[in-house]
Amino acid sequence: MALTAKQEAFCLAVAKGMTQADAYRSAYNAGNMKPDTIQRNACKLMKDNRVSTRVEALRAPVAEKAMEKAAIDKAWVMQRLVKVSDMGMQAEPVVDNDGSPTGEYKQNLAAANKALELIGKELGMFVERSVALTGPIDGLAHDELKDMRDAIEQIRAGAAAGKAVSGSAGHTRH
């Protein structure tokens, strides 16, 4: 089913960069509605798959043209990150306007570290790690944790022995 004229006007306005509320206000002549009603209606409209698909279709060529115009792609970004990393670690000397080395080197290890981090993330070299907190035992000292582990092992051993005794008690031969 095709979009209505108002829905299409909404899509065009959002694709051009208007906020959803402003696009709704413009497309539906809703200047006298309450702001929260406009926002709610705009959100509901954007949740319509036909509307969101149309907005993306309208935005795609604009984004593609912008990237082509700027000649930005993954390779370009990676090359610049390598250059920033090299410069930050004094890999390249400072040059004057003629391109001749001045004998000085600039150092920016923070930029180098950030560039290396971004390169590593892009190449999938890093794994997110998390710490699992277990509750009240988090603050216990090492010796206290060992004592607790030993106590748990004793309880398990006692429970296993209890099962063995109760299991054999029911199996007497006549």
C-alpha atoms as a PDB file:
ATOM      1  CA  MET A   1       0.000   0.000   0.000  1.00  0.00           C
ATOM      2  CA  ALA A   2       1.379   3.401  -0.988  1.00  0.00           C
ATOM      3  CA  LEU A   3       2.017   6.211   1.445  1.00  0.00           C
ATOM      4  CA  THR A   4      -0.422   9.080   1.716  1.00  0.00           C
ATOM      5  CA  ALA A   5       0.643  12.536   0.587  1.00  0.00           C
ATOM      6  CA  LYS A   6       1.060  13.611   4.227  1.00  0.00           C
ATOM      7  CA  GLN A   7       3.164  10.544   5.040  1.00  0.00           C
ATOM      8  CA  GLU A   8       5.379  11.223   2.009  1.00  0.00           C
ATOM      9  CA  ALA A   9       5.776  14.872   3.053  1.00  0.00           C
ATOM     10  CA  PHE A  10       6.746  13.662   6.540  1.00  0.00           C
ATOM     11  CA  CYS A  11       9.325  11.264   5.056  1.00  0.00           C
ATOM     12  CA  LEU A  12      10.848  13.967   2.869  1.00  0.00           C
ATOM     13  CA  ALA A  13      11.112  16.378   5.801  1.00  0.00           C
ATOM     14  CA  VAL A  14      12.769  13.789   8.061  1.00  0.00           C
ATOM     15  CA  ALA A  15      15.158  12.752   5.277  1.00  0.00           C
ATOM     16  CA  LYS A  16      16.167  16.403   4.840  1.00  0.00           C
ATOM     17  CA  GLY A  17      17.158  16.566   8.503  1.00  0.00           C
ATOM     18  CA  MET A  18      14.101  17.906  10.305  1.00  0.00           C
ATOM     19  CA  THR A  19      13.283  16.433  13.678  1.00  0.00           C
ATOM     20  CA  GLN A  20      10.425  13.959  13.637  1.00  0.00           C
ATOM     21  CA  ALA A  21       8.218  16.393  15.576  1.00  0.00           C
ATOM     22  CA  ASP A  22       8.952  19.296  13.215  1.00  0.00           C
ATOM     23  CA  ALA A  23       8.401  17.065  10.184  1.00  0.00           C
ATOM     24  CA  TYR A  24       5.049  15.910  11.594  1.00  0.00           C
ATOM     25  CA  ARG A  25       4.037  19.487  12.438  1.00  0.00           C
ATOM     26  CA  SER A  26       4.877  20.565   8.879  1.00  0.00           C
ATOM     27  CA  ALA A  27       3.352  17.628   7.013  1.00  0.00           C
ATOM     28  CA  TYR A  28       0.152  17.444   9.055  1.00  0.00           C
ATOM     29  CA  ASN A  29      -0.330  21.191   9.671  1.00  0.00           C
ATOM     30  CA  ALA A  30      -0.290  20.352  13.366  1.00  0.00           C
ATOM     31  CA  GLY A  31       0.923  23.682  14.705  1.00  0.00           C
ATOM     32  CA  ASN A  32      -1.956  23.910  17.187  1.00  0.00           C
ATOM     33  CA  MET A  33      -1.454  20.407  18.668  1.00  0.00           C
ATOM     34  CA  LYS A  34       0.209  19.884  22.027  1.00  0.00           C
ATOM     35  CA  PRO A  35       3.956  19.188  21.692  1.00  0.00           C
ATOM     36  CA  ASP A  36       3.708  15.813  23.442  1.00  0.00           C
ATOM     37  CA  THR A  37       0.883  14.751  21.098  1.00  0.00           C
ATOM     38  CA  ILE A  38       2.952  15.773  18.086  1.00  0.00           C
ATOM     39  CA  GLN A  39       5.960  13.847  19.398  1.00  0.00           C
ATOM     40  CA  ARG A  40       3.852  10.758  20.147  1.00  0.00           C
ATOM     41  CA  ASN A  41       2.239  10.839  16.669  1.00  0.00           C
ATOM     42  CA  ALA A  42       5.601  11.364  14.962  1.00  0.00           C
ATOM     43  CA  CYS A  43       7.152   8.408  16.821  1.00  0.00           C
ATOM     44  CA  LYS A  44       4.168   6.221  15.963  1.00  0.00           C
ATOM     45  CA  LEU A  45       4.487   7.232  12.319  1.00  0.00           C
ATOM     46  CA  MET A  46       8.215   6.408  12.252  1.00  0.00           C
ATOM     47  CA  LYS A  47       7.461   2.951  13.656  1.00  0.00           C
ATOM     48  CA  ASP A  48       5.398   2.218  10.546  1.00  0.00           C
ATOM     49  CA  ASN A  49       7.690   0.000   8.463  1.00  0.00           C
ATOM     50  CA  ARG A  50       6.619   1.659   5.198  1.00  0.00           C
ATOM     51  CA  VAL A  51       7.470   5.113   6.548  1.00  0.00           C
ATOM     52  CA  SER A  52      10.844   4.170   8.062  1.00  0.00           C
ATOM     53  CA  THR A  53      11.808   2.276   4.890  1.00  0.00           C
ATOM     54  CA  ARG A  54      10.917   5.310   2.781  1.00  0.00           C
ATOM     55  CA  VAL A  55      12.953   7.648   5.006  1.00  0.00           C
ATOM     56  CA  GLU A  56      15.986   5.352   4.701  1.00  0.00           C
ATOM     57  CA  ALA A  57      15.520   5.147   0.929  1.00  0.00           C
ATOM     58  CA  LEU A  58      15.474   8.934   0.732  1.00  0.00           C
ATOM     59  CA  ARG A  59      18.522   9.296   2.995  1.00  0.00           C
ATOM     60  CA  ALA A  60      20.697   6.658   1.288  1.00  0.00           C
ATOM     61  CA  PRO A  61      21.607   8.621  -1.859  1.00  0.00           C
ATOM     62  CA  VAL A  62      22.356  11.740   0.184  1.00  0.00           C
ATOM     63  CA  ALA A  63      24.738   9.848   2.490  1.00  0.00           C
ATOM     64  CA  GLU A  64      26.352   8.077  -0.454  1.00  0.00           C
ATOM     65  CA  LYS A  65      26.944  11.357  -2.280  1.00  0.00           C
ATOM     66  CA  ALA A  66      28.414  12.927   0.838  1.00  0.00           C
ATOM     67  CA  MET A  67      30.838  10.029   1.261  1.00  0.00           C
ATOM     68  CA  GLU A  68      31.790  10.141  -2.416  1.00  0.00           C
ATOM     69  CA  LYS A  69      32.307  13.888  -2.227  1.00  0.00           C
ATOM     70  CA  ALA A  70      34.555  13.526   0.795  1.00  0.00           C
ATOM     71  CA  ALA A  71      36.173  10.380  -0.674  1.00  0.00           C
ATOM     72  CA  ILE A  72      35.848   8.672   2.668  1.00  0.00           C
ATOM     73  CA  ASP A  73      35.871   4.919   2.976  1.00  0.00           C
ATOM     74  CA  LYS A  74      37.274   2.337   5.366  1.00  0.00           C
ATOM     75  CA  ALA A  75      40.677   2.295   3.666  1.00  0.00           C
ATOM     76  CA  TRP A  76      40.921   6.093   3.889  1.00  0.00           C
ATOM     77  CA  VAL A  77      40.104   6.015   7.604  1.00  0.00           C
ATOM     78  CA  MET A  78      42.570   3.195   8.286  1.00  0.00           C
ATOM     79  CA  GLN A  79      45.350   5.020   6.390  1.00  0.00           C
ATOM     80  CA  ARG A  80      44.735   8.172   8.420  1.00  0.00           C
ATOM     81  CA  LEU A  81      44.710   6.227  11.695  1.00  0.00           C
ATOM     82  CA  VAL A  82      48.069   4.654  10.827  1.00  0.00           C
ATOM     83  CA  LYS A  83      49.423   8.099   9.994  1.00  0.00           C
ATOM     84  CA  VAL A  84      48.148   9.541  13.287  1.00  0.00           C
ATOM     85  CA  SER A  85      49.697   6.636  15.170  1.00  0.00           C
ATOM     86  CA  ASP A  86      53.052   7.085  13.406  1.00  0.00           C
ATOM     87  CA  MET A  87      53.030  10.833  13.990  1.00  0.00           C
ATOM     88  CA  GLY A  88      52.077  10.411  17.623  1.00  0.00           C
ATOM     89  CA  MET A  89      55.029   8.106  18.201  1.00  0.00           C
ATOM     90  CA  GLN A  90      57.518  10.431  16.483  1.00  0.00           C
ATOM     91  CA  ALA A  91      57.657   8.281  13.361  1.00  0.00           C
ATOM     92  CA  GLU A  92      57.527  11.373  11.143  1.00  0.00           C
ATOM     93  CA  PRO A  93      59.552  14.548  11.532  1.00  0.00           C
ATOM     94  CA  VAL A  94      57.989  17.994  11.520  1.00  0.00           C
ATOM     95  CA  VAL A  95      58.404  19.562   8.063  1.00  0.00           C
ATOM     96  CA  ASP A  96      58.301  23.167   6.948  1.00  0.00           C
ATOM     97  CA  ASN A  97      56.145  24.564   4.134  1.00  0.00           C
ATOM     98  CA  ASP A  98      58.607  23.251   1.536  1.00  0.00           C
ATOM     99  CA  GLY A  99      58.442  19.731   2.962  1.00  0.00           C
ATOM    100  CA  SER A 100      61.935  19.838   4.424  1.00  0.00           C
ATOM    101  CA  PRO A 101      62.483  18.331   7.891  1.00  0.00           C
ATOM    102  CA  THR A 102      62.965  20.937  10.593  1.00  0.00           C
ATOM    103  CA  GLY A 103      64.807  18.565  12.916  1.00  0.00           C
ATOM    104  CA  GLU A 104      61.917  18.560  15.367  1.00  0.00           C
ATOM    105  CA  TYR A 105      59.588  15.701  16.135  1.00  0.00           C
ATOM    106  CA  LYS A 106      56.145  16.014  17.550  1.00  0.00           C
ATOM    107  CA  GLN A 107      54.967  13.516  20.082  1.00  0.00           C
ATOM    108  CA  ASN A 108      51.356  12.844  20.938  1.00  0.00           C
ATOM    109  CA  LEU A 109      51.114   9.440  22.566  1.00  0.00           C
ATOM    110  CA  ALA A 110      47.444   9.930  23.452  1.00  0.00           C
ATOM    111  CA  ALA A 111      46.607  10.329  19.763  1.00  0.00           C
ATOM    112  CA  ALA A 112      48.803   7.357  18.896  1.00  0.00           C
ATOM    113  CA  ASN A 113      47.131   5.178  21.525  1.00  0.00           C
ATOM    114  CA  LYS A 114      43.645   6.171  20.378  1.00  0.00           C
ATOM    115  CA  ALA A 115      44.537   5.518  16.739  1.00  0.00           C
ATOM    116  CA  LEU A 116      45.964   2.109  17.596  1.00  0.00           C
ATOM    117  CA  GLU A 117      42.885   1.317  19.673  1.00  0.00           C
ATOM    118  CA  LEU A 118      40.568   2.184  16.768  1.00  0.00           C
ATOM    119  CA  ILE A 119      42.662   0.144  14.325  1.00  0.00           C
ATOM    120  CA  GLY A 120      42.657  -2.805  16.719  1.00  0.00           C
ATOM    121  CA  LYS A 121      38.890  -2.591  17.192  1.00  0.00           C
ATOM    122  CA  GLU A 122      38.336  -2.492  13.429  1.00  0.00           C
ATOM    123  CA  LEU A 123      40.530  -5.561  12.995  1.00  0.00           C
ATOM    124  CA  GLY A 124      38.711  -7.362  15.830  1.00  0.00           C
ATOM    125  CA  MET A 125      41.846  -7.662  17.939  1.00  0.00           C
ATOM    126  CA  PHE A 126      40.232  -6.791  21.244  1.00  0.00           C
ATOM    127  CA  VAL A 127      37.650  -8.690  23.253  1.00  0.00           C
ATOM    128  CA  GLU A 128      35.382  -6.884  25.668  1.00  0.00           C
ATOM    129  CA  ARG A 129      35.958  -8.157  29.178  1.00  0.00           C
ATOM    130  CA  SER A 130      33.687  -7.795  32.134  1.00  0.00           C
ATOM    131  CA  VAL A 131      34.025  -8.435  35.813  1.00  0.00           C
ATOM    132  CA  ALA A 132      31.370 -10.608  37.408  1.00  0.00           C
ATOM    133  CA  LEU A 133      30.589  -9.481  40.908  1.00  0.00           C
ATOM    134  CA  THR A 134      29.155 -12.178  43.114  1.00  0.00           C
ATOM    135  CA  GLY A 135      27.702 -10.187  45.956  1.00  0.00           C
ATOM    136  CA  PRO A 136      28.663 -10.112  49.636  1.00  0.00           C
ATOM    137  CA  ILE A 137      31.820 -12.217  49.201  1.00  0.00           C
ATOM    138  CA  ASP A 138      33.460  -9.664  46.879  1.00  0.00           C
ATOM    139  CA  GLY A 139      35.161  -7.886  49.763  1.00  0.00           C
ATOM    140  CA  LEU A 140      36.563 -10.990  51.453  1.00  0.00           C
ATOM    141  CA  ALA A 141      40.311 -11.459  51.797  1.00  0.00           C
ATOM    142  CA  HIS A 142      42.109 -14.278  49.987  1.00  0.00           C
ATOM    143  CA  ASP A 143      42.447 -16.407  53.143  1.00  0.00           C
ATOM    144  CA  GLU A 144      38.761 -15.958  53.951  1.00  0.00           C
ATOM    145  CA  LEU A 145      37.820 -17.082  50.442  1.00  0.00           C
ATOM    146  CA  LYS A 146      40.048 -20.161  50.793  1.00  0.00           C
ATOM    147  CA  ASP A 147      38.398 -21.025  54.125  1.00  0.00           C
ATOM    148  CA  MET A 148      34.976 -20.652  52.519  1.00  0.00           C
ATOM    149  CA  ARG A 149      36.007 -22.895  49.608  1.00  0.00           C
ATOM    150  CA  ASP A 150      37.279 -25.549  52.036  1.00  0.00           C
ATOM    151  CA  ALA A 151      34.031 -25.419  54.008  1.00  0.00           C
ATOM    152  CA  ILE A 152      31.996 -25.854  50.827  1.00  0.00           C
ATOM    153  CA  GLU A 153      34.133 -28.826  49.821  1.00  0.00           C
ATOM    154  CA  GLN A 154      33.571 -30.429  53.251  1.00  0.00           C
ATOM    155  CA  ILE A 155      29.821 -29.912  52.928  1.00  0.00           C
ATOM    156  CA  ARG A 156      29.873 -31.485  49.455  1.00  0.00           C
ATOM    157  CA  ALA A 157      31.941 -34.422  50.684  1.00  0.00           C
ATOM    158  CA  GLY A 158      29.542 -34.943  53.614  1.00  0.00           C
ATOM    159  CA  ALA A 159      26.533 -34.770  51.302  1.00  0.00           C
ATOM    160  CA  ALA A 160      28.115 -37.267  48.910  1.00  0.00           C
ATOM    161  CA  ALA A 161      28.919 -39.606  51.803  1.00  0.00           C
ATOM    162  CA  GLY A 162      25.363 -39.237  53.085  1.00  0.00           C
ATOM    163  CA  LYS A 163      23.942 -40.199  49.701  1.00  0.00           C
ATOM    164  CA  ALA A 164      26.189 -43.229  49.550  1.00  0.00           C
ATOM    165  CA  VAL A 165      25.094 -44.366  53.025  1.00  0.00           C
ATOM    166  CA  SER A 166      21.377 -43.785  52.420  1.00  0.00           C
ATOM    167  CA  GLY A 167      21.621 -45.363  48.989  1.00  0.00           C
ATOM    168  CA  SER A 168      23.241 -48.544  50.317  1.00  0.00           C
ATOM    169  CA  ALA A 169      20.908 -48.797  53.327  1.00  0.00           C
ATOM    170  CA  GLY A 170      17.920 -49.377  51.095  1.00  0.00           C
ATOM    171  CA  HIS A 171      19.597 -52.195  49.150  1.00  0.00           C
ATOM    172  CA  THR A 172      20.052 -55.036  51.595  1.00  0.00           C
ATOM    173  CA  ARG A 173      20.070 -58.627  50.340  1.00  0.00           C
ATOM    174  CA  HIS A 174      17.868 -61.292  51.830  1.00  0.00           C
END
